[in-house]
Amino acid sequence: MGTIVMAAGAVIGAGITLAVFDMIIIVASASSGAGMAMDGLNLIFRNVDILDRTGGGTIPLVIWVFVGALAMSWQFMNLAKWLKNTG
């Protein structure tokens, strides 16, 4: 019985993953890219505390979420074009 449940779960999970794979990649790349951009700017501009995500506070979080949302919207707008070009 356990093997059947495991196999059914694997098939259902694979179907869900195929359905939302592009969305997962876009969200992950946009949020990590926004974080890396903020960390890079923080290394260049060390005295600008609003870029320091590790120091806490809501302003760095808001900036990170805003930049990530911009990146996500740009990627979602171009997704159809990318999929068309890959065949």
Protein backbone atom coordinates (compact mmCIF):
# COMPACT_ATOMS: atom_id res chain seq x y z
CA MET A 1 0.00 0.00 0.00
CA GLY A 2 2.82 2.38 0.86
CA THR A 3 4.45 1.86 -2.52
CA ILE A 4 1.22 2.71 -4.33
CA VAL A 5 0.76 5.90 -2.30
CA MET A 6 4.39 6.85 -2.92
CA ALA A 7 4.08 6.28 -6.67
CA ALA A 8 0.80 8.20 -6.84
CA GLY A 9 2.36 11.09 -4.90
CA ALA A 10 5.33 11.13 -7.26
CA VAL A 11 3.07 11.27 -10.33
CA ILE A 12 0.89 14.01 -8.82
CA GLY A 13 3.97 15.98 -7.73
CA ALA A 14 5.51 15.68 -11.17
CA GLY A 15 2.31 16.95 -12.76
CA ILE A 16 2.16 19.94 -10.41
CA THR A 17 5.83 20.71 -11.02
CA LEU A 18 5.38 20.65 -14.79
CA ALA A 19 2.40 22.98 -14.50
CA VAL A 20 4.15 25.63 -12.36
CA PHE A 21 7.82 25.14 -13.27
CA ASP A 22 8.19 28.41 -15.18
CA MET A 23 6.57 30.34 -12.34
CA ILE A 24 8.88 28.74 -9.77
CA ILE A 25 11.97 29.62 -11.81
CA ILE A 26 10.82 33.21 -12.34
CA VAL A 27 10.03 33.82 -8.66
CA ALA A 28 13.28 32.23 -7.50
CA SER A 29 15.49 34.06 -9.97
CA ALA A 30 13.81 37.43 -9.40
CA SER A 31 13.98 37.28 -5.61
CA SER A 32 17.54 35.99 -5.48
CA GLY A 33 18.64 38.45 -8.16
CA ALA A 34 17.14 41.35 -6.20
CA GLY A 35 18.95 40.17 -3.08
CA MET A 36 22.27 39.82 -4.87
CA ALA A 37 21.88 43.27 -6.44
CA MET A 38 21.22 44.83 -3.04
CA ASP A 39 24.15 42.99 -1.46
CA GLY A 40 26.44 44.10 -4.28
CA LEU A 41 25.34 47.71 -3.91
CA ASN A 42 25.84 47.41 -0.17
CA LEU A 43 29.44 46.29 -0.78
CA ILE A 44 30.06 49.26 -3.06
CA PHE A 45 28.25 51.83 -0.90
CA ARG A 46 29.11 50.69 2.62
CA ASN A 47 27.83 53.81 4.36
CA VAL A 48 24.31 53.58 2.89
CA ASP A 49 22.40 51.73 5.60
CA ILE A 50 19.17 51.39 3.62
CA LEU A 51 20.84 48.76 1.44
CA ASP A 52 21.97 46.57 4.37
CA ARG A 53 19.47 43.69 4.42
CA THR A 54 21.36 41.86 7.17
CA GLY A 55 21.04 44.80 9.57
CA GLY A 56 17.29 44.38 9.72
CA GLY A 57 14.70 47.05 9.36
CA THR A 58 11.76 47.47 7.06
CA ILE A 59 13.29 49.81 4.47
CA PRO A 60 15.77 47.21 3.08
CA LEU A 61 12.96 44.64 3.04
CA VAL A 62 10.64 46.98 1.15
CA ILE A 63 13.38 47.81 -1.39
CA TRP A 64 14.17 44.11 -1.86
CA VAL A 65 10.50 43.20 -2.36
CA PHE A 66 9.99 46.12 -4.77
CA VAL A 67 13.02 45.23 -6.90
CA GLY A 68 12.02 41.56 -6.85
CA ALA A 69 8.47 42.45 -7.92
CA LEU A 70 9.80 44.55 -10.79
CA ALA A 71 12.01 41.67 -11.92
CA MET A 72 9.13 39.20 -11.67
CA SER A 73 6.78 41.40 -13.68
CA TRP A 74 9.40 41.93 -16.39
CA GLN A 75 10.08 38.19 -16.62
CA PHE A 76 6.38 37.30 -16.72
CA MET A 77 5.80 39.89 -19.48
CA ASN A 78 8.56 38.32 -21.59
CA LEU A 79 7.78 34.66 -20.83
CA ALA A 80 5.58 34.13 -23.89
CA LYS A 81 8.25 35.58 -26.18
CA TRP A 82 10.94 33.34 -24.67
CA LEU A 83 8.80 30.23 -24.96
CA LYS A 84 7.99 31.08 -28.59
CA ASN A 85 11.70 31.43 -29.41
CA THR A 86 12.64 28.09 -27.82
CA GLY A 87 10.18 26.15 -29.92
